[in-house]
Amino acid sequence: MLFDGVDLLDVTGPPEVFSLLRREVDDAAGYEVVLAAATREPVATSAGVRVLPDATFGEVAARRIDTLLVPGAVEVDEQRRVRALVDPALVEWVGTLAGRSRRVASVCVGAHLLAAAGLLDGRRATTHWSTARQLADDHPEVEVDADPIFIKDRDVWTGAGISACLDLSLALVADDFGEDVALRVARQLVMYLKRPSGQSQFSVPLEPVSTTRRVDDLRRHIARHLTAPLTVPDLAREARVSERQLTRIFKDELGTTPAAYVESARVEAARNRLETTDDVLERVAAGCGFGTVDTLIRAFRRQLDTTPTEYRNRFRHSAGRPVPQDVRPA
């Protein structure tokens, strides 16, 4: 959806993700992106860049919509206070088009438009941190959580701002085409391999920038063999270097130790399972190379200052799905 004052990245970010998808799947698969506005006249974004709509809201309302993406706009007063803008006419169109859509997603402060249209009533939602208080005050019927970078609550998705539109779009790709495809698109974007729903400080990049082929090969080896011992001697043999040289390579290239990197990779894999599966902690620990639940818990406390159970309850993908009762408390 387009309208005057809309944030430019909110409009252009998702289509860029969707276009890169075509490099990773068959030509027949992918998305058709349609930019719709009240009229076909050019729309002035907040960045001053004008965008030309493909269709009007009325024209789009005559067809079935797979995914309705609703961006937002803000105003800043003299005290630099940020407030989301909510146009009643636009809200009415949001409600109309949402009724024609399989799913609805807001980008950044677009959550205010969804809330005003009643689409977030009784749901958990996020928005840009600067307007989260406004959203909670204006809509007490919405459970506002400003921490995650996106939230899925049944068929409604809400994303934080502003670059988080890319994470939200990747999550939509994963929902439609699978995690492996979304991962490949993320690589095309030179983004974190996995940043699902949690706060940015929870994100651990599995593939930080390096300058040597040897380190790239080691990182891939670690990611593919998380359940192996992956000790310094093991990794040194894999890289065909001495243990002392291996430690120096990790320090110089990645700014960490081999053991710390391996633990980070395992924690990242565990986060993914906690967010996207109902696996009990014993299975998560074994499948990610921790061996025991106690080791998993200690690693989460060191790296994330939380426990696996607390993390799952806060950041699991499908809000409203109960955590299995046989999950070991942490």
Protein backbone atom coordinates (compact mmCIF):
# COMPACT_ATOMS: atom_id res chain seq x y z
CA MET A 1 0.00 0.00 0.00
CA LEU A 2 1.29 3.45 -0.95
CA PHE A 3 0.37 6.87 0.42
CA ASP A 4 2.02 10.27 0.78
CA GLY A 5 4.75 10.39 3.41
CA VAL A 6 5.26 6.62 3.52
CA ASP A 7 8.75 5.45 4.54
CA LEU A 8 10.70 4.62 1.37
CA LEU A 9 12.50 1.51 2.68
CA ASP A 10 9.21 0.10 3.93
CA VAL A 11 8.02 0.19 0.31
CA THR A 12 11.17 -0.90 -1.53
CA GLY A 13 12.69 -3.37 0.95
CA PRO A 14 10.17 -6.23 0.68
CA PRO A 15 10.02 -6.19 -3.16
CA GLU A 16 13.81 -6.40 -3.26
CA VAL A 17 13.71 -9.55 -1.11
CA PHE A 18 10.95 -11.03 -3.24
CA SER A 19 12.82 -10.28 -6.47
CA LEU A 20 15.98 -12.02 -5.24
CA LEU A 21 13.87 -15.09 -4.57
CA ARG A 22 13.69 -15.68 -8.33
CA ARG A 23 17.43 -16.39 -8.37
CA GLU A 24 16.90 -19.29 -5.97
CA VAL A 25 13.73 -20.99 -7.24
CA ASP A 26 12.20 -22.09 -10.53
CA ASP A 27 11.09 -19.36 -12.91
CA ALA A 28 7.45 -20.31 -12.33
CA ALA A 29 7.68 -19.63 -8.60
CA GLY A 30 7.85 -16.33 -6.81
CA TYR A 31 5.71 -13.27 -6.18
CA GLU A 32 3.94 -10.68 -8.26
CA VAL A 33 4.42 -7.34 -6.50
CA VAL A 34 1.72 -4.72 -7.00
CA LEU A 35 2.07 -1.19 -5.58
CA ALA A 36 -1.37 0.24 -4.90
CA ALA A 37 -2.48 3.71 -3.86
CA ALA A 38 -5.66 5.77 -3.75
CA THR A 39 -4.94 7.00 -7.28
CA ARG A 40 -2.41 6.23 -9.97
CA GLU A 41 -0.66 9.56 -9.40
CA PRO A 42 2.97 9.42 -8.16
CA VAL A 43 3.29 9.11 -4.38
CA ALA A 44 5.87 11.21 -2.51
CA THR A 45 7.69 9.15 0.14
CA SER A 46 9.23 10.54 3.32
CA ALA A 47 12.63 10.48 1.60
CA GLY A 48 11.37 12.75 -1.15
CA VAL A 49 11.54 9.97 -3.74
CA ARG A 50 8.38 9.64 -5.79
CA VAL A 51 6.95 6.17 -6.46
CA LEU A 52 4.51 5.32 -9.22
CA PRO A 53 1.63 3.01 -8.21
CA ASP A 54 0.70 0.04 -10.40
CA ALA A 55 -2.98 0.14 -9.46
CA THR A 56 -5.54 1.87 -7.28
CA PHE A 57 -6.93 0.44 -4.05
CA GLY A 58 -10.26 0.00 -5.79
CA GLU A 59 -8.71 -2.00 -8.60
CA VAL A 60 -6.82 -4.25 -6.20
CA ALA A 61 -9.96 -4.78 -4.10
CA ALA A 62 -11.55 -6.52 -7.08
CA ARG A 63 -9.06 -9.40 -6.94
CA ARG A 64 -7.81 -11.91 -4.41
CA ILE A 65 -4.67 -10.80 -2.56
CA ASP A 66 -2.17 -13.30 -1.19
CA THR A 67 -0.26 -10.96 1.12
CA LEU A 68 -1.23 -7.39 1.98
CA LEU A 69 1.80 -5.35 3.06
CA VAL A 70 1.00 -2.18 4.99
CA PRO A 71 3.88 0.28 5.60
CA GLY A 72 3.67 3.36 7.78
CA ALA A 73 4.49 7.04 8.11
CA VAL A 74 5.47 9.29 11.00
CA GLU A 75 5.61 12.93 11.93
CA VAL A 76 8.26 14.50 14.17
CA ASP A 77 7.43 17.56 16.29
CA GLU A 78 9.75 20.36 17.40
CA GLN A 79 10.85 18.32 20.43
CA ARG A 80 11.82 15.49 18.04
CA ARG A 81 9.03 13.31 19.34
CA VAL A 82 7.91 10.73 16.81
CA ARG A 83 4.28 9.91 16.23
CA ALA A 84 2.75 7.46 13.78
CA LEU A 85 0.27 8.94 11.33
CA VAL A 86 -3.13 7.31 10.98
CA ASP A 87 -5.32 8.49 8.10
CA PRO A 88 -8.97 7.35 8.56
CA ALA A 89 -9.48 6.97 4.81
CA LEU A 90 -6.39 4.78 4.59
CA VAL A 91 -7.54 2.73 7.59
CA GLU A 92 -10.80 2.02 5.79
CA TRP A 93 -8.92 0.74 2.76
CA VAL A 94 -6.71 -1.42 5.00
CA GLY A 95 -9.80 -3.12 6.38
CA THR A 96 -11.29 -3.60 2.93
CA LEU A 97 -8.12 -5.04 1.37
CA ALA A 98 -7.38 -7.21 4.40
CA GLY A 99 -10.71 -8.90 3.82
CA ARG A 100 -9.47 -9.92 0.37
CA SER A 101 -6.11 -11.20 1.65
CA ARG A 102 -4.78 -14.58 2.78
CA ARG A 103 -2.49 -12.86 5.24
CA VAL A 104 -1.67 -9.31 6.29
CA ALA A 105 1.69 -7.87 7.32
CA SER A 106 2.62 -4.43 8.60
CA VAL A 107 6.03 -2.88 8.14
CA CYS A 108 7.38 -0.62 10.89
CA VAL A 109 4.68 1.82 12.08
CA GLY A 110 2.19 0.33 9.65
CA ALA A 111 1.04 -1.64 12.71
CA HIS A 112 -0.86 1.49 13.78
CA LEU A 113 -2.96 1.24 10.62
CA LEU A 114 -3.69 -2.44 11.26
CA ALA A 115 -4.66 -1.66 14.84
CA ALA A 116 -6.93 1.19 13.80
CA ALA A 117 -8.65 -1.19 11.38
CA GLY A 118 -9.25 -3.67 14.21
CA LEU A 119 -6.93 -6.30 12.74
CA LEU A 120 -4.74 -6.54 15.85
CA ASP A 121 -7.49 -6.86 18.46
CA GLY A 122 -6.57 -9.66 20.85
CA ARG A 123 -3.27 -10.26 19.10
CA ARG A 124 0.37 -9.80 20.00
CA ALA A 125 2.10 -7.25 17.79
CA THR A 126 5.26 -5.20 17.41
CA THR A 127 6.18 -1.92 15.78
CA HIS A 128 9.07 0.51 15.70
CA TRP A 129 10.28 1.08 19.26
CA SER A 130 9.75 4.85 18.98
CA THR A 131 5.96 4.45 18.58
CA ALA A 132 5.36 1.34 20.67
CA ARG A 133 4.03 3.38 23.59
CA GLN A 134 1.64 5.23 21.28
CA LEU A 135 0.37 1.92 19.89
CA ALA A 136 -0.21 0.52 23.39
CA ASP A 137 -1.94 3.70 24.62
CA ASP A 138 -4.16 4.06 21.56
CA HIS A 139 -5.07 0.37 21.39
CA PRO A 140 -5.17 -1.32 24.81
CA GLU A 141 -6.83 -4.33 23.17
CA VAL A 142 -3.50 -5.08 21.44
CA GLU A 143 -0.66 -6.86 23.25
CA VAL A 144 2.26 -4.66 22.19
CA ASP A 145 5.75 -6.13 22.43
CA ALA A 146 8.47 -3.80 21.13
CA ASP A 147 11.31 -6.31 21.54
CA PRO A 148 11.00 -8.76 18.61
CA ILE A 149 11.92 -7.68 15.11
CA PHE A 150 8.73 -9.31 13.89
CA ILE A 151 5.78 -11.23 15.29
CA LYS A 152 3.47 -13.73 13.61
CA ASP A 153 0.09 -14.12 15.26
CA ARG A 154 -1.95 -16.49 13.12
CA ASP A 155 -2.48 -14.82 9.72
CA VAL A 156 -1.28 -11.37 10.80
CA TRP A 157 2.40 -10.40 10.86
CA THR A 158 3.86 -7.21 12.31
CA GLY A 159 7.42 -6.01 11.84
CA ALA A 160 9.64 -3.55 13.66
CA GLY A 161 11.37 -0.76 11.80
CA ILE A 162 13.00 0.14 9.61
CA SER A 163 15.50 -2.33 8.15
CA ALA A 164 13.58 -5.09 9.94
CA CYS A 165 11.31 -5.07 6.88
CA LEU A 166 13.98 -7.28 5.30
CA ASP A 167 13.79 -9.77 8.18
CA LEU A 168 10.00 -9.78 7.98
CA SER A 169 10.13 -10.34 4.22
CA LEU A 170 12.59 -13.21 4.63
CA ALA A 171 10.24 -14.75 7.20
CA LEU A 172 7.41 -14.57 4.68
CA VAL A 173 9.64 -16.25 2.10
CA ALA A 174 10.50 -18.97 4.61
CA ASP A 175 6.80 -19.43 5.36
CA ASP A 176 6.06 -19.93 1.66
CA PHE A 177 9.18 -21.63 0.28
CA GLY A 178 11.04 -23.02 3.29
CA GLU A 179 13.95 -22.01 5.50
CA ASP A 180 16.63 -23.18 3.05
CA VAL A 181 15.37 -20.87 0.30
CA ALA A 182 15.08 -17.94 2.70
CA LEU A 183 18.63 -18.63 3.85
CA ARG A 184 19.92 -18.41 0.29
CA VAL A 185 18.07 -15.14 -0.27
CA ALA A 186 19.58 -13.78 2.96
CA ARG A 187 23.04 -14.56 1.60
CA GLN A 188 22.20 -12.61 -1.56
CA LEU A 189 21.31 -9.66 0.68
CA VAL A 190 24.55 -10.09 2.69
CA MET A 191 22.43 -10.33 5.83
CA TYR A 192 22.57 -12.40 8.98
CA LEU A 193 21.84 -15.97 8.06
CA LYS A 194 19.16 -16.21 10.70
CA ARG A 195 17.46 -13.39 12.53
CA PRO A 196 13.98 -14.70 13.27
CA SER A 197 11.73 -12.67 15.52
CA GLY A 198 14.20 -12.06 18.37
CA GLN A 199 15.78 -8.79 19.33
CA SER A 200 18.85 -7.67 17.43
CA GLN A 201 21.07 -8.30 20.47
CA PHE A 202 20.01 -11.95 20.34
CA SER A 203 21.28 -12.37 16.81
CA VAL A 204 24.49 -14.29 16.33
CA PRO A 205 25.80 -14.26 12.74
CA LEU A 206 26.80 -17.74 11.64
CA GLU A 207 28.87 -16.36 8.80
CA PRO A 208 30.74 -13.19 9.82
CA VAL A 209 32.93 -11.54 7.26
CA SER A 210 36.34 -13.16 6.79
CA THR A 211 39.13 -12.74 4.31
CA THR A 212 40.39 -16.28 3.75
CA ARG A 213 39.00 -19.37 2.07
CA ARG A 214 40.30 -21.46 4.95
CA VAL A 215 38.09 -19.67 7.49
CA ASP A 216 35.07 -19.88 5.19
CA ASP A 217 35.59 -23.63 4.89
CA LEU A 218 35.92 -23.98 8.66
CA ARG A 219 32.72 -22.05 9.30
CA ARG A 220 30.83 -24.21 6.86
CA HIS A 221 32.31 -27.33 8.44
CA ILE A 222 31.18 -26.20 11.89
CA ALA A 223 27.66 -25.35 10.70
CA ARG A 224 27.30 -28.80 9.09
CA HIS A 225 28.76 -30.80 11.98
CA LEU A 226 27.34 -29.19 15.13
CA THR A 227 26.86 -32.57 16.82
CA ALA A 228 30.52 -33.53 16.30
CA PRO A 229 33.07 -32.77 19.07
CA LEU A 230 34.53 -29.75 17.19
CA THR A 231 37.44 -29.39 19.59
CA VAL A 232 40.51 -27.33 18.76
CA PRO A 233 42.45 -30.48 17.72
CA ASP A 234 39.50 -31.57 15.54
CA LEU A 235 39.27 -28.20 13.82
CA ALA A 236 43.03 -27.95 13.43
CA ARG A 237 43.08 -31.30 11.64
CA GLU A 238 40.20 -30.17 9.41
CA ALA A 239 42.06 -26.96 8.51
CA ARG A 240 45.43 -28.76 8.27
CA VAL A 241 47.12 -26.30 10.62
CA SER A 242 48.59 -26.52 14.10
CA GLU A 243 46.36 -25.93 17.12
CA ARG A 244 48.26 -22.73 17.92
CA GLN A 245 47.84 -21.47 14.36
CA LEU A 246 44.12 -22.32 14.42
CA THR A 247 43.60 -20.25 17.57
CA ARG A 248 45.49 -17.35 16.00
CA ILE A 249 43.38 -17.60 12.80
CA PHE A 250 40.11 -17.39 14.76
CA LYS A 251 41.37 -14.45 16.79
CA ASP A 252 42.64 -12.52 13.77
CA GLU A 253 39.81 -13.33 11.35
CA LEU A 254 36.75 -13.62 13.61
CA GLY A 255 37.81 -11.87 16.79
CA THR A 256 36.97 -14.85 18.98
CA THR A 257 38.22 -18.27 20.05
CA PRO A 258 37.33 -21.53 18.31
CA ALA A 259 35.37 -22.74 21.35
CA ALA A 260 33.39 -19.49 21.62
CA TYR A 261 32.56 -19.56 17.92
CA VAL A 262 31.39 -23.17 18.06
CA GLU A 263 29.18 -22.37 21.06
CA SER A 264 27.71 -19.36 19.23
CA ALA A 265 26.90 -21.52 16.22
CA ARG A 266 25.23 -24.11 18.44
CA VAL A 267 23.23 -21.47 20.31
CA GLU A 268 22.06 -20.03 17.00
CA ALA A 269 20.90 -23.45 15.84
CA ALA A 270 19.13 -23.99 19.16
CA ARG A 271 17.38 -20.62 18.87
CA ASN A 272 16.07 -21.67 15.48
CA ARG A 273 14.66 -24.92 16.86
CA LEU A 274 13.14 -23.23 19.89
CA GLU A 275 11.39 -20.68 17.69
CA THR A 276 10.18 -22.99 14.94
CA THR A 277 9.62 -26.45 16.46
CA ASP A 278 8.00 -28.13 19.46
CA ASP A 279 11.11 -30.21 20.18
CA VAL A 280 11.70 -30.85 23.87
CA LEU A 281 14.90 -29.43 25.34
CA GLU A 282 16.63 -32.81 25.39
CA ARG A 283 16.17 -33.11 21.62
CA VAL A 284 17.24 -29.50 21.02
CA ALA A 285 20.38 -30.01 23.09
CA ALA A 286 21.29 -33.26 21.34
CA GLY A 287 20.50 -31.98 17.85
CA CYS A 288 22.60 -28.83 18.26
CA GLY A 289 25.68 -30.46 19.76
CA PHE A 290 25.26 -29.54 23.43
CA GLY A 291 24.82 -33.12 24.59
CA THR A 292 22.88 -32.28 27.75
CA VAL A 293 20.16 -29.82 28.67
CA ASP A 294 22.35 -28.40 31.44
CA THR A 295 25.04 -27.52 28.89
CA LEU A 296 22.40 -25.90 26.68
CA ILE A 297 21.09 -23.83 29.58
CA ARG A 298 24.56 -22.65 30.59
CA ALA A 299 25.34 -21.59 27.02
CA PHE A 300 22.09 -19.60 26.77
CA ARG A 301 22.81 -17.87 30.08
CA ARG A 302 26.33 -16.94 28.94
CA GLN A 303 25.37 -15.65 25.51
CA LEU A 304 21.79 -14.41 25.87
CA ASP A 305 21.34 -13.92 29.61
CA THR A 306 18.19 -16.04 29.51
CA THR A 307 17.16 -19.69 29.51
CA PRO A 308 15.99 -21.81 26.57
CA THR A 309 12.48 -22.05 28.00
CA GLU A 310 12.25 -18.30 28.60
CA TYR A 311 13.56 -17.67 25.09
CA ARG A 312 11.03 -20.03 23.51
CA ASN A 313 8.13 -18.51 25.41
CA ARG A 314 9.13 -15.03 24.26
CA PHE A 315 10.25 -15.53 20.71
CA ARG A 316 8.61 -18.61 19.24
CA HIS A 317 7.30 -18.07 15.68
CA SER A 318 3.71 -19.15 16.06
CA ALA A 319 2.19 -17.09 18.85
CA GLY A 320 -0.60 -18.82 20.66
CA ARG A 321 0.71 -22.37 20.11
CA PRO A 322 1.25 -24.00 23.52
CA VAL A 323 4.73 -25.10 24.53
CA PRO A 324 4.70 -28.90 25.05
CA GLN A 325 4.20 -29.89 28.66
CA ASP A 326 7.09 -32.34 28.58
CA VAL A 327 9.59 -29.55 27.97
CA ARG A 328 12.04 -29.60 30.82
CA PRO A 329 11.74 -26.41 32.92
CA ALA A 330 14.82 -24.20 32.95
